[in-house]
Amino acid sequence: MELLLKVEGMQTYIGQYHILQDISFEVKKGEVTVLLGRNGAGKTTTLRSIIGLNPPAKGKVIFKNEPIHALPTYKIAKRGIGFVPEDQGIFNELTVEENLKVAMQKQDEKTLKRLDWVLNLFPDLKKFWKKQGGLLSGGQKQMLSIARAYVNENDLLLIDEPSKGLAPIVVEKVMESIQRMKEETTIVLVEQNFLMASAIGDRFYIIDDGRTAAAGAMEELVTNDQLKKKYLGIA
Protein backbone atom coordinates (compact mmCIF):
# COMPACT_ATOMS: atom_id res chain seq x y z
CA MET A 1 0.00 0.00 0.00
CA GLU A 2 1.25 3.47 -0.92
CA LEU A 3 2.92 5.52 1.84
CA LEU A 4 1.27 8.94 2.11
CA LEU A 5 2.85 10.50 5.22
CA LYS A 6 6.08 9.77 7.07
CA VAL A 7 7.10 11.46 10.32
CA GLU A 8 10.72 10.89 11.34
CA GLY A 9 12.20 11.83 14.72
CA MET A 10 9.94 14.86 15.13
CA GLN A 11 10.73 17.14 18.08
CA THR A 12 8.61 20.15 19.01
CA TYR A 13 8.92 22.82 21.69
CA ILE A 14 6.10 25.01 22.97
CA GLY A 15 7.87 27.91 24.61
CA GLN A 16 10.55 26.40 26.84
CA TYR A 17 8.79 23.04 27.07
CA HIS A 18 10.12 20.10 25.03
CA ILE A 19 6.74 18.51 24.24
CA LEU A 20 7.60 16.09 21.42
CA GLN A 21 10.95 14.37 21.92
CA ASP A 22 10.97 11.62 19.30
CA ILE A 23 7.83 11.03 17.24
CA SER A 24 8.01 8.69 14.25
CA PHE A 25 5.19 7.01 12.36
CA GLU A 26 3.91 6.20 8.88
CA VAL A 27 0.48 6.63 7.30
CA LYS A 28 -0.58 4.44 4.40
CA LYS A 29 -3.03 5.69 1.81
CA GLY A 30 -6.64 4.65 2.40
CA GLU A 31 -6.15 3.73 6.06
CA VAL A 32 -7.18 5.24 9.38
CA THR A 33 -4.10 5.60 11.56
CA VAL A 34 -4.95 6.22 15.22
CA LEU A 35 -2.67 8.05 17.66
CA LEU A 36 -3.33 6.89 21.21
CA GLY A 37 -1.94 7.80 24.61
CA ARG A 38 -2.82 9.33 27.95
CA ASN A 39 -3.77 13.00 28.35
CA GLY A 40 -0.71 15.22 27.91
CA ALA A 41 1.29 12.58 26.01
CA GLY A 42 1.70 14.84 22.94
CA LYS A 43 -0.98 13.61 20.55
CA THR A 44 -2.55 17.01 19.79
CA THR A 45 0.88 18.62 19.45
CA THR A 46 1.79 15.91 16.94
CA LEU A 47 -1.14 16.88 14.69
CA ARG A 48 -0.44 20.60 15.15
CA SER A 49 3.22 20.03 14.23
CA ILE A 50 2.29 18.18 11.03
CA ILE A 51 -0.01 21.01 9.92
CA GLY A 52 2.57 23.65 10.92
CA LEU A 53 0.76 25.34 13.82
CA ASN A 54 3.52 24.20 16.20
CA PRO A 55 6.43 23.79 13.75
CA PRO A 56 8.87 21.01 14.65
CA ALA A 57 12.35 22.06 15.78
CA LYS A 58 13.92 18.81 14.55
CA GLY A 59 12.98 15.81 12.45
CA LYS A 60 11.12 15.42 9.17
CA VAL A 61 7.54 15.38 7.95
CA ILE A 62 7.33 13.86 4.46
CA PHE A 63 3.98 14.11 2.63
CA LYS A 64 3.58 12.51 -0.81
CA ASN A 65 7.37 12.09 -0.95
CA GLU A 66 8.08 15.79 -0.30
CA PRO A 67 9.25 17.45 2.94
CA ILE A 68 6.68 19.84 4.44
CA HIS A 69 8.07 20.46 7.96
CA ALA A 70 9.56 23.87 7.04
CA LEU A 71 6.41 25.16 5.31
CA PRO A 72 3.85 27.57 6.81
CA THR A 73 0.39 26.16 7.63
CA TYR A 74 -1.40 27.65 4.61
CA LYS A 75 1.07 26.03 2.20
CA ILE A 76 0.76 22.66 3.98
CA ALA A 77 -3.04 22.92 3.71
CA LYS A 78 -2.75 23.68 -0.02
CA ARG A 79 -0.70 20.49 -0.47
CA GLY A 80 -3.83 18.53 0.49
CA ILE A 81 -3.97 18.16 4.29
CA GLY A 82 -7.15 19.09 6.17
CA PHE A 83 -7.24 19.64 9.94
CA VAL A 84 -10.15 19.21 12.36
CA PRO A 85 -8.93 20.74 15.64
CA GLU A 86 -9.89 19.59 19.12
CA ASP A 87 -11.83 22.84 19.75
CA GLN A 88 -13.63 22.47 16.37
CA GLY A 89 -12.41 25.86 15.08
CA ILE A 90 -15.68 27.00 13.48
CA PHE A 91 -16.78 30.64 13.16
CA ASN A 92 -19.61 31.08 15.67
CA GLU A 93 -20.94 34.28 14.06
CA LEU A 94 -21.16 32.77 10.57
CA THR A 95 -23.95 30.49 9.37
CA VAL A 96 -23.37 26.85 8.47
CA GLU A 97 -23.40 27.89 4.80
CA GLU A 98 -20.88 30.69 5.36
CA ASN A 99 -18.58 28.44 7.44
CA LEU A 100 -18.44 25.92 4.61
CA LYS A 101 -18.00 28.48 1.84
CA VAL A 102 -15.19 30.28 3.71
CA ALA A 103 -13.40 26.92 4.05
CA MET A 104 -13.54 26.15 0.32
CA GLN A 105 -10.26 26.68 -1.55
CA LYS A 106 -12.20 26.49 -4.83
CA GLN A 107 -15.85 26.56 -5.80
CA ASP A 108 -15.54 24.23 -8.78
CA GLU A 109 -17.72 21.25 -9.73
CA LYS A 110 -15.61 18.76 -7.73
CA THR A 111 -15.83 20.85 -4.54
CA LEU A 112 -19.59 21.32 -4.91
CA LYS A 113 -19.98 17.55 -5.34
CA ARG A 114 -18.00 16.99 -2.15
CA LEU A 115 -20.18 19.56 -0.39
CA ASP A 116 -23.30 17.71 -1.55
CA TRP A 117 -21.81 14.40 -0.35
CA VAL A 118 -20.95 15.75 3.10
CA LEU A 119 -24.40 17.38 3.50
CA ASN A 120 -25.97 14.00 2.79
CA LEU A 121 -23.62 12.53 5.39
CA PHE A 122 -24.64 15.19 7.94
CA PRO A 123 -28.31 16.06 7.23
CA ASP A 124 -28.38 18.36 10.31
CA LEU A 125 -26.07 20.76 8.46
CA LYS A 126 -28.50 20.93 5.56
CA LYS A 127 -31.39 21.42 8.01
CA PHE A 128 -29.62 24.31 9.81
CA TRP A 129 -27.99 25.77 6.67
CA LYS A 130 -28.82 29.38 7.65
CA LYS A 131 -28.21 28.98 11.39
CA GLN A 132 -25.19 30.57 13.08
CA GLY A 133 -22.42 28.13 14.03
CA GLY A 134 -22.46 29.28 17.65
CA LEU A 135 -26.12 28.25 18.01
CA LEU A 136 -25.54 24.63 16.97
CA SER A 137 -25.36 21.76 19.45
CA GLY A 138 -21.96 20.26 20.34
CA GLY A 139 -22.51 17.36 17.96
CA GLN A 140 -23.60 19.64 15.11
CA LYS A 141 -20.52 21.84 15.64
CA GLN A 142 -18.33 18.74 15.38
CA MET A 143 -20.10 17.71 12.16
CA LEU A 144 -19.56 21.22 10.75
CA SER A 145 -15.87 21.13 11.71
CA ILE A 146 -15.38 17.79 9.94
CA ALA A 147 -17.38 18.97 6.91
CA ARG A 148 -15.21 22.12 6.62
CA ALA A 149 -12.08 19.97 6.34
CA TYR A 150 -13.71 17.53 3.95
CA VAL A 151 -15.08 19.92 1.29
CA ASN A 152 -11.61 20.51 -0.16
CA GLU A 153 -9.85 17.83 -2.17
CA ASN A 154 -7.62 16.70 0.68
CA ASP A 155 -5.58 13.52 0.47
CA LEU A 156 -5.20 13.45 4.25
CA LEU A 157 -7.43 14.52 7.15
CA LEU A 158 -6.01 15.10 10.65
CA ILE A 159 -8.89 14.75 13.13
CA ASP A 160 -8.33 15.58 16.80
CA GLU A 161 -10.65 14.08 19.46
CA PRO A 162 -13.92 14.10 17.47
CA SER A 163 -15.89 12.36 20.24
CA LYS A 164 -14.80 14.70 23.04
CA GLY A 165 -17.73 15.94 25.15
CA LEU A 166 -20.38 14.36 22.91
CA ALA A 167 -23.33 12.20 23.94
CA PRO A 168 -22.99 8.46 23.09
CA ILE A 169 -25.63 8.64 20.33
CA VAL A 170 -23.75 11.53 18.67
CA VAL A 171 -20.41 9.70 19.06
CA GLU A 172 -21.97 6.82 17.14
CA LYS A 173 -22.98 9.18 14.32
CA VAL A 174 -19.50 10.75 14.16
CA MET A 175 -17.95 7.27 14.13
CA GLU A 176 -20.18 6.20 11.23
CA SER A 177 -19.29 9.35 9.31
CA ILE A 178 -15.54 8.79 9.70
CA GLN A 179 -15.95 5.19 8.56
CA ARG A 180 -17.70 6.44 5.41
CA MET A 181 -15.05 9.13 4.86
CA LYS A 182 -12.40 6.44 5.06
CA GLU A 183 -13.67 5.19 1.68
CA GLU A 184 -12.81 8.58 0.16
CA THR A 185 -9.70 9.80 1.99
CA THR A 186 -6.87 8.88 4.40
CA ILE A 187 -7.24 9.81 8.08
CA VAL A 188 -4.97 10.34 11.08
CA LEU A 189 -7.18 10.24 14.16
CA VAL A 190 -6.44 11.25 17.75
CA GLU A 191 -9.10 9.67 19.95
CA GLN A 192 -9.43 8.91 23.69
CA ASN A 193 -12.52 6.74 23.21
CA PHE A 194 -10.86 3.34 22.73
CA LEU A 195 -14.02 1.60 21.54
CA MET A 196 -14.41 4.18 18.78
CA ALA A 197 -10.69 4.15 17.91
CA SER A 198 -10.53 0.36 17.72
CA ALA A 199 -13.68 0.16 15.58
CA ILE A 200 -12.39 2.70 13.03
CA GLY A 201 -8.61 2.31 13.06
CA ASP A 202 -6.46 0.12 10.83
CA ARG A 203 -3.15 0.86 12.53
CA PHE A 204 -2.20 2.39 15.87
CA TYR A 205 0.71 4.31 17.32
CA ILE A 206 0.94 4.90 21.06
CA ILE A 207 2.53 8.18 22.14
CA ASP A 208 3.94 8.32 25.64
CA ASP A 209 5.72 11.32 27.11
CA GLY A 210 6.41 12.84 23.68
CA ARG A 211 7.78 9.65 22.14
CA THR A 212 6.42 6.88 19.93
CA ALA A 213 6.21 3.96 22.36
CA ALA A 214 4.40 1.21 20.43
CA ALA A 215 2.84 0.51 17.03
CA GLY A 216 1.03 -2.17 15.09
CA ALA A 217 -2.21 -3.34 13.53
CA MET A 218 -5.27 -2.27 15.52
CA GLU A 219 -6.49 -5.85 16.00
CA GLU A 220 -3.21 -6.64 17.78
CA LEU A 221 -3.79 -3.87 20.31
CA VAL A 222 -7.39 -4.94 20.97
CA THR A 223 -6.12 -8.28 22.33
CA ASN A 224 -2.98 -6.91 24.04
CA ASP A 225 -4.13 -6.20 27.61
CA GLN A 226 -0.60 -5.46 28.81
CA LEU A 227 -0.05 -2.61 26.31
CA LYS A 228 -3.52 -1.16 26.95
CA LYS A 229 -2.98 -1.16 30.71
CA LYS A 230 0.57 0.24 30.57
CA TYR A 231 -0.03 3.13 28.15
CA LEU A 232 -3.78 3.75 28.06
CA GLY A 233 -4.87 2.88 31.61
CA ILE A 234 -7.41 0.36 30.27
CA ALA A 235 -7.70 -2.67 32.56
C-alpha atoms as a PDB file:
ATOM      1  CA  MET A   1       0.000   0.000   0.000  1.00  0.00           C
ATOM      2  CA  GLU A   2       1.253   3.475  -0.918  1.00  0.00           C
ATOM      3  CA  LEU A   3       2.923   5.519   1.838  1.00  0.00           C
ATOM      4  CA  LEU A   4       1.265   8.939   2.109  1.00  0.00           C
ATOM      5  CA  LEU A   5       2.852  10.500   5.216  1.00  0.00           C
ATOM      6  CA  LYS A   6       6.075   9.773   7.066  1.00  0.00           C
ATOM      7  CA  VAL A   7       7.100  11.459  10.319  1.00  0.00           C
ATOM      8  CA  GLU A   8      10.725  10.894  11.343  1.00  0.00           C
ATOM      9  CA  GLY A   9      12.203  11.832  14.724  1.00  0.00           C
ATOM     10  CA  MET A  10       9.945  14.865  15.132  1.00  0.00           C
ATOM     11  CA  GLN A  11      10.734  17.141  18.077  1.00  0.00           C
ATOM     12  CA  THR A  12       8.607  20.148  19.015  1.00  0.00           C
ATOM     13  CA  TYR A  13       8.919  22.824  21.689  1.00  0.00           C
ATOM     14  CA  ILE A  14       6.103  25.010  22.973  1.00  0.00           C
ATOM     15  CA  GLY A  15       7.872  27.911  24.614  1.00  0.00           C
ATOM     16  CA  GLN A  16      10.552  26.403  26.840  1.00  0.00           C
ATOM     17  CA  TYR A  17       8.795  23.038  27.071  1.00  0.00           C
ATOM     18  CA  HIS A  18      10.118  20.102  25.029  1.00  0.00           C
ATOM     19  CA  ILE A  19       6.738  18.510  24.236  1.00  0.00           C
ATOM     20  CA  LEU A  20       7.597  16.091  21.422  1.00  0.00           C
ATOM     21  CA  GLN A  21      10.947  14.369  21.921  1.00  0.00           C
ATOM     22  CA  ASP A  22      10.968  11.622  19.298  1.00  0.00           C
ATOM     23  CA  ILE A  23       7.825  11.032  17.243  1.00  0.00           C
ATOM     24  CA  SER A  24       8.013   8.688  14.254  1.00  0.00           C
ATOM     25  CA  PHE A  25       5.187   7.014  12.364  1.00  0.00           C
ATOM     26  CA  GLU A  26       3.912   6.200   8.877  1.00  0.00           C
ATOM     27  CA  VAL A  27       0.480   6.633   7.300  1.00  0.00           C
ATOM     28  CA  LYS A  28      -0.578   4.440   4.395  1.00  0.00           C
ATOM     29  CA  LYS A  29      -3.032   5.687   1.810  1.00  0.00           C
ATOM     30  CA  GLY A  30      -6.636   4.645   2.400  1.00  0.00           C
ATOM     31  CA  GLU A  31      -6.150   3.730   6.064  1.00  0.00           C
ATOM     32  CA  VAL A  32      -7.177   5.242   9.378  1.00  0.00           C
ATOM     33  CA  THR A  33      -4.100   5.598  11.564  1.00  0.00           C
ATOM     34  CA  VAL A  34      -4.951   6.219  15.220  1.00  0.00           C
ATOM     35  CA  LEU A  35      -2.669   8.051  17.657  1.00  0.00           C
ATOM     36  CA  LEU A  36      -3.330   6.893  21.208  1.00  0.00           C
ATOM     37  CA  GLY A  37      -1.944   7.797  24.612  1.00  0.00           C
ATOM     38  CA  ARG A  38      -2.822   9.332  27.952  1.00  0.00           C
ATOM     39  CA  ASN A  39      -3.769  13.004  28.350  1.00  0.00           C
ATOM     40  CA  GLY A  40      -0.706  15.217  27.913  1.00  0.00           C
ATOM     41  CA  ALA A  41       1.286  12.578  26.014  1.00  0.00           C
ATOM     42  CA  GLY A  42       1.703  14.843  22.939  1.00  0.00           C
ATOM     43  CA  LYS A  43      -0.984  13.612  20.545  1.00  0.00           C
ATOM     44  CA  THR A  44      -2.554  17.010  19.792  1.00  0.00           C
ATOM     45  CA  THR A  45       0.879  18.623  19.450  1.00  0.00           C
ATOM     46  CA  THR A  46       1.787  15.905  16.939  1.00  0.00           C
ATOM     47  CA  LEU A  47      -1.139  16.882  14.688  1.00  0.00           C
ATOM     48  CA  ARG A  48      -0.443  20.596  15.153  1.00  0.00           C
ATOM     49  CA  SER A  49       3.221  20.029  14.230  1.00  0.00           C
ATOM     50  CA  ILE A  50       2.293  18.178  11.033  1.00  0.00           C
ATOM     51  CA  ILE A  51      -0.010  21.007   9.917  1.00  0.00           C
ATOM     52  CA  GLY A  52       2.573  23.651  10.920  1.00  0.00           C
ATOM     53  CA  LEU A  53       0.759  25.342  13.822  1.00  0.00           C
ATOM     54  CA  ASN A  54       3.525  24.203  16.202  1.00  0.00           C
ATOM     55  CA  PRO A  55       6.430  23.794  13.753  1.00  0.00           C
ATOM     56  CA  PRO A  56       8.873  21.011  14.653  1.00  0.00           C
ATOM     57  CA  ALA A  57      12.350  22.057  15.779  1.00  0.00           C
ATOM     58  CA  LYS A  58      13.917  18.806  14.552  1.00  0.00           C
ATOM     59  CA  GLY A  59      12.978  15.810  12.452  1.00  0.00           C
ATOM     60  CA  LYS A  60      11.124  15.423   9.170  1.00  0.00           C
ATOM     61  CA  VAL A  61       7.542  15.375   7.948  1.00  0.00           C
ATOM     62  CA  ILE A  62       7.327  13.863   4.459  1.00  0.00           C
ATOM     63  CA  PHE A  63       3.976  14.110   2.628  1.00  0.00           C
ATOM     64  CA  LYS A  64       3.578  12.514  -0.809  1.00  0.00           C
ATOM     65  CA  ASN A  65       7.374  12.086  -0.948  1.00  0.00           C
ATOM     66  CA  GLU A  66       8.083  15.794  -0.298  1.00  0.00           C
ATOM     67  CA  PRO A  67       9.251  17.454   2.942  1.00  0.00           C
ATOM     68  CA  ILE A  68       6.677  19.845   4.439  1.00  0.00           C
ATOM     69  CA  HIS A  69       8.070  20.455   7.965  1.00  0.00           C
ATOM     70  CA  ALA A  70       9.555  23.866   7.044  1.00  0.00           C
ATOM     71  CA  LEU A  71       6.405  25.162   5.306  1.00  0.00           C
ATOM     72  CA  PRO A  72       3.847  27.574   6.809  1.00  0.00           C
ATOM     73  CA  THR A  73       0.394  26.162   7.632  1.00  0.00           C
ATOM     74  CA  TYR A  74      -1.399  27.648   4.615  1.00  0.00           C
ATOM     75  CA  LYS A  75       1.074  26.025   2.201  1.00  0.00           C
ATOM     76  CA  ILE A  76       0.756  22.661   3.976  1.00  0.00           C
ATOM     77  CA  ALA A  77      -3.041  22.922   3.705  1.00  0.00           C
ATOM     78  CA  LYS A  78      -2.746  23.676  -0.021  1.00  0.00           C
ATOM     79  CA  ARG A  79      -0.698  20.486  -0.475  1.00  0.00           C
ATOM     80  CA  GLY A  80      -3.832  18.527   0.491  1.00  0.00           C
ATOM     81  CA  ILE A  81      -3.974  18.162   4.285  1.00  0.00           C
ATOM     82  CA  GLY A  82      -7.148  19.085   6.173  1.00  0.00           C
ATOM     83  CA  PHE A  83      -7.239  19.644   9.945  1.00  0.00           C
ATOM     84  CA  VAL A  84     -10.155  19.206  12.357  1.00  0.00           C
ATOM     85  CA  PRO A  85      -8.931  20.743  15.642  1.00  0.00           C
ATOM     86  CA  GLU A  86      -9.894  19.587  19.121  1.00  0.00           C
ATOM     87  CA  ASP A  87     -11.827  22.837  19.748  1.00  0.00           C
ATOM     88  CA  GLN A  88     -13.627  22.475  16.366  1.00  0.00           C
ATOM     89  CA  GLY A  89     -12.414  25.865  15.078  1.00  0.00           C
ATOM     90  CA  ILE A  90     -15.680  26.995  13.476  1.00  0.00           C
ATOM     91  CA  PHE A  91     -16.780  30.639  13.161  1.00  0.00           C
ATOM     92  CA  ASN A  92     -19.606  31.083  15.668  1.00  0.00           C
ATOM     93  CA  GLU A  93     -20.939  34.285  14.058  1.00  0.00           C
ATOM     94  CA  LEU A  94     -21.156  32.767  10.570  1.00  0.00           C
ATOM     95  CA  THR A  95     -23.951  30.488   9.372  1.00  0.00           C
ATOM     96  CA  VAL A  96     -23.369  26.850   8.466  1.00  0.00           C
ATOM     97  CA  GLU A  97     -23.402  27.887   4.799  1.00  0.00           C
ATOM     98  CA  GLU A  98     -20.879  30.695   5.362  1.00  0.00           C
ATOM     99  CA  ASN A  99     -18.576  28.441   7.440  1.00  0.00           C
ATOM    100  CA  LEU A 100     -18.436  25.915   4.615  1.00  0.00           C
ATOM    101  CA  LYS A 101     -17.997  28.483   1.841  1.00  0.00           C
ATOM    102  CA  VAL A 102     -15.187  30.279   3.709  1.00  0.00           C
ATOM    103  CA  ALA A 103     -13.402  26.921   4.051  1.00  0.00           C
ATOM    104  CA  MET A 104     -13.537  26.153   0.321  1.00  0.00           C
ATOM    105  CA  GLN A 105     -10.263  26.676  -1.546  1.00  0.00           C
ATOM    106  CA  LYS A 106     -12.201  26.488  -4.829  1.00  0.00           C
ATOM    107  CA  GLN A 107     -15.847  26.558  -5.801  1.00  0.00           C
ATOM    108  CA  ASP A 108     -15.543  24.227  -8.775  1.00  0.00           C
ATOM    109  CA  GLU A 109     -17.718  21.252  -9.728  1.00  0.00           C
ATOM    110  CA  LYS A 110     -15.608  18.763  -7.729  1.00  0.00           C
ATOM    111  CA  THR A 111     -15.826  20.849  -4.543  1.00  0.00           C
ATOM    112  CA  LEU A 112     -19.587  21.316  -4.915  1.00  0.00           C
ATOM    113  CA  LYS A 113     -19.980  17.547  -5.344  1.00  0.00           C
ATOM    114  CA  ARG A 114     -17.997  16.989  -2.152  1.00  0.00           C
ATOM    115  CA  LEU A 115     -20.185  19.563  -0.392  1.00  0.00           C
ATOM    116  CA  ASP A 116     -23.300  17.709  -1.554  1.00  0.00           C
ATOM    117  CA  TRP A 117     -21.807  14.404  -0.347  1.00  0.00           C
ATOM    118  CA  VAL A 118     -20.954  15.754   3.098  1.00  0.00           C
ATOM    119  CA  LEU A 119     -24.403  17.385   3.495  1.00  0.00           C
ATOM    120  CA  ASN A 120     -25.969  13.996   2.792  1.00  0.00           C
ATOM    121  CA  LEU A 121     -23.619  12.525   5.392  1.00  0.00           C
ATOM    122  CA  PHE A 122     -24.638  15.193   7.938  1.00  0.00           C
ATOM    123  CA  PRO A 123     -28.307  16.064   7.229  1.00  0.00           C
ATOM    124  CA  ASP A 124     -28.379  18.357  10.306  1.00  0.00           C
ATOM    125  CA  LEU A 125     -26.072  20.759   8.461  1.00  0.00           C
ATOM    126  CA  LYS A 126     -28.504  20.933   5.561  1.00  0.00           C
ATOM    127  CA  LYS A 127     -31.393  21.424   8.006  1.00  0.00           C
ATOM    128  CA  PHE A 128     -29.619  24.307   9.809  1.00  0.00           C
ATOM    129  CA  TRP A 129     -27.986  25.774   6.675  1.00  0.00           C
ATOM    130  CA  LYS A 130     -28.818  29.377   7.652  1.00  0.00           C
ATOM    131  CA  LYS A 131     -28.212  28.976  11.392  1.00  0.00           C
ATOM    132  CA  GLN A 132     -25.188  30.568  13.081  1.00  0.00           C
ATOM    133  CA  GLY A 133     -22.423  28.134  14.028  1.00  0.00           C
ATOM    134  CA  GLY A 134     -22.460  29.283  17.649  1.00  0.00           C
ATOM    135  CA  LEU A 135     -26.119  28.255  18.010  1.00  0.00           C
ATOM    136  CA  LEU A 136     -25.545  24.628  16.974  1.00  0.00           C
ATOM    137  CA  SER A 137     -25.358  21.757  19.450  1.00  0.00           C
ATOM    138  CA  GLY A 138     -21.963  20.264  20.339  1.00  0.00           C
ATOM    139  CA  GLY A 139     -22.512  17.357  17.962  1.00  0.00           C
ATOM    140  CA  GLN A 140     -23.601  19.639  15.112  1.00  0.00           C
ATOM    141  CA  LYS A 141     -20.524  21.840  15.639  1.00  0.00           C
ATOM    142  CA  GLN A 142     -18.332  18.739  15.379  1.00  0.00           C
ATOM    143  CA  MET A 143     -20.098  17.710  12.164  1.00  0.00           C
ATOM    144  CA  LEU A 144     -19.557  21.224  10.746  1.00  0.00           C
ATOM    145  CA  SER A 145     -15.872  21.134  11.709  1.00  0.00           C
ATOM    146  CA  ILE A 146     -15.378  17.788   9.942  1.00  0.00           C
ATOM    147  CA  ALA A 147     -17.377  18.974   6.912  1.00  0.00           C
ATOM    148  CA  ARG A 148     -15.209  22.120   6.619  1.00  0.00           C
ATOM    149  CA  ALA A 149     -12.076  19.975   6.337  1.00  0.00           C
ATOM    150  CA  TYR A 150     -13.706  17.527   3.953  1.00  0.00           C
ATOM    151  CA  VAL A 151     -15.081  19.921   1.293  1.00  0.00           C
ATOM    152  CA  ASN A 152     -11.613  20.509  -0.158  1.00  0.00           C
ATOM    153  CA  GLU A 153      -9.853  17.827  -2.170  1.00  0.00           C
ATOM    154  CA  ASN A 154      -7.615  16.703   0.681  1.00  0.00           C
ATOM    155  CA  ASP A 155      -5.578  13.524   0.467  1.00  0.00           C
ATOM    156  CA  LEU A 156      -5.205  13.451   4.254  1.00  0.00           C
ATOM    157  CA  LEU A 157      -7.427  14.523   7.149  1.00  0.00           C
ATOM    158  CA  LEU A 158      -6.008  15.099  10.651  1.00  0.00           C
ATOM    159  CA  ILE A 159      -8.893  14.748  13.130  1.00  0.00           C
ATOM    160  CA  ASP A 160      -8.335  15.585  16.805  1.00  0.00           C
ATOM    161  CA  GLU A 161     -10.651  14.081  19.463  1.00  0.00           C
ATOM    162  CA  PRO A 162     -13.916  14.103  17.472  1.00  0.00           C
ATOM    163  CA  SER A 163     -15.890  12.362  20.244  1.00  0.00           C
ATOM    164  CA  LYS A 164     -14.797  14.703  23.042  1.00  0.00           C
ATOM    165  CA  GLY A 165     -17.726  15.936  25.148  1.00  0.00           C
ATOM    166  CA  LEU A 166     -20.380  14.361  22.909  1.00  0.00           C
ATOM    167  CA  ALA A 167     -23.333  12.202  23.940  1.00  0.00           C
ATOM    168  CA  PRO A 168     -22.986   8.464  23.087  1.00  0.00           C
ATOM    169  CA  ILE A 169     -25.626   8.641  20.333  1.00  0.00           C
ATOM    170  CA  VAL A 170     -23.748  11.527  18.671  1.00  0.00           C
ATOM    171  CA  VAL A 171     -20.406   9.702  19.057  1.00  0.00           C
ATOM    172  CA  GLU A 172     -21.972   6.818  17.137  1.00  0.00           C
ATOM    173  CA  LYS A 173     -22.981   9.178  14.315  1.00  0.00           C
ATOM    174  CA  VAL A 174     -19.497  10.753  14.159  1.00  0.00           C
ATOM    175  CA  MET A 175     -17.954   7.274  14.130  1.00  0.00           C
ATOM    176  CA  GLU A 176     -20.178   6.198  11.234  1.00  0.00           C
ATOM    177  CA  SER A 177     -19.293   9.352   9.308  1.00  0.00           C
ATOM    178  CA  ILE A 178     -15.538   8.791   9.704  1.00  0.00           C
ATOM    179  CA  GLN A 179     -15.947   5.185   8.560  1.00  0.00           C
ATOM    180  CA  ARG A 180     -17.697   6.439   5.412  1.00  0.00           C
ATOM    181  CA  MET A 181     -15.055   9.132   4.859  1.00  0.00           C
ATOM    182  CA  LYS A 182     -12.400   6.439   5.058  1.00  0.00           C
ATOM    183  CA  GLU A 183     -13.669   5.189   1.677  1.00  0.00           C
ATOM    184  CA  GLU A 184     -12.812   8.578   0.157  1.00  0.00           C
ATOM    185  CA  THR A 185      -9.695   9.799   1.991  1.00  0.00           C
ATOM    186  CA  THR A 186      -6.872   8.880   4.402  1.00  0.00           C
ATOM    187  CA  ILE A 187      -7.236   9.806   8.079  1.00  0.00           C
ATOM    188  CA  VAL A 188      -4.966  10.336  11.084  1.00  0.00           C
ATOM    189  CA  LEU A 189      -7.179  10.239  14.155  1.00  0.00           C
ATOM    190  CA  VAL A 190      -6.442  11.245  17.752  1.00  0.00           C
ATOM    191  CA  GLU A 191      -9.095   9.666  19.950  1.00  0.00           C
ATOM    192  CA  GLN A 192      -9.432   8.913  23.688  1.00  0.00           C
ATOM    193  CA  ASN A 193     -12.524   6.737  23.214  1.00  0.00           C
ATOM    194  CA  PHE A 194     -10.855   3.340  22.732  1.00  0.00           C
ATOM    195  CA  LEU A 195     -14.021   1.600  21.542  1.00  0.00           C
ATOM    196  CA  MET A 196     -14.406   4.177  18.781  1.00  0.00           C
ATOM    197  CA  ALA A 197     -10.695   4.149  17.914  1.00  0.00           C
ATOM    198  CA  SER A 198     -10.527   0.361  17.721  1.00  0.00           C
ATOM    199  CA  ALA A 199     -13.682   0.161  15.577  1.00  0.00           C
ATOM    200  CA  ILE A 200     -12.391   2.701  13.030  1.00  0.00           C
ATOM    201  CA  GLY A 201      -8.611   2.314  13.063  1.00  0.00           C
ATOM    202  CA  ASP A 202      -6.463   0.124  10.828  1.00  0.00           C
ATOM    203  CA  ARG A 203      -3.145   0.862  12.528  1.00  0.00           C
ATOM    204  CA  PHE A 204      -2.202   2.392  15.868  1.00  0.00           C
ATOM    205  CA  TYR A 205       0.714   4.306  17.319  1.00  0.00           C
ATOM    206  CA  ILE A 206       0.942   4.899  21.058  1.00  0.00           C
ATOM    207  CA  ILE A 207       2.532   8.179  22.137  1.00  0.00           C
ATOM    208  CA  ASP A 208       3.943   8.320  25.643  1.00  0.00           C
ATOM    209  CA  ASP A 209       5.724  11.324  27.109  1.00  0.00           C
ATOM    210  CA  GLY A 210       6.407  12.835  23.684  1.00  0.00           C
ATOM    211  CA  ARG A 211       7.784   9.650  22.143  1.00  0.00           C
ATOM    212  CA  THR A 212       6.424   6.882  19.930  1.00  0.00           C
ATOM    213  CA  ALA A 213       6.206   3.965  22.359  1.00  0.00           C
ATOM    214  CA  ALA A 214       4.402   1.206  20.427  1.00  0.00           C
ATOM    215  CA  ALA A 215       2.841   0.511  17.029  1.00  0.00           C
ATOM    216  CA  GLY A 216       1.032  -2.171  15.092  1.00  0.00           C
ATOM    217  CA  ALA A 217      -2.214  -3.341  13.531  1.00  0.00           C
ATOM    218  CA  MET A 218      -5.274  -2.271  15.523  1.00  0.00           C
ATOM    219  CA  GLU A 219      -6.490  -5.855  15.999  1.00  0.00           C
ATOM    220  CA  GLU A 220      -3.206  -6.643  17.777  1.00  0.00           C
ATOM    221  CA  LEU A 221      -3.787  -3.872  20.314  1.00  0.00           C
ATOM    222  CA  VAL A 222      -7.388  -4.938  20.966  1.00  0.00           C
ATOM    223  CA  THR A 223      -6.120  -8.279  22.327  1.00  0.00           C
ATOM    224  CA  ASN A 224      -2.977  -6.913  24.042  1.00  0.00           C
ATOM    225  CA  ASP A 225      -4.134  -6.196  27.607  1.00  0.00           C
ATOM    226  CA  GLN A 226      -0.600  -5.464  28.809  1.00  0.00           C
ATOM    227  CA  LEU A 227      -0.055  -2.605  26.310  1.00  0.00           C
ATOM    228  CA  LYS A 228      -3.518  -1.160  26.945  1.00  0.00           C
ATOM    229  CA  LYS A 229      -2.977  -1.164  30.708  1.00  0.00           C
ATOM    230  CA  LYS A 230       0.571   0.237  30.574  1.00  0.00           C
ATOM    231  CA  TYR A 231      -0.027   3.125  28.153  1.00  0.00           C
ATOM    232  CA  LEU A 232      -3.784   3.751  28.065  1.00  0.00           C
ATOM    233  CA  GLY A 233      -4.867   2.878  31.608  1.00  0.00           C
ATOM    234  CA  ILE A 234      -7.406   0.357  30.270  1.00  0.00           C
ATOM    235  CA  ALA A 235      -7.698  -2.671  32.563  1.00  0.00           C
END
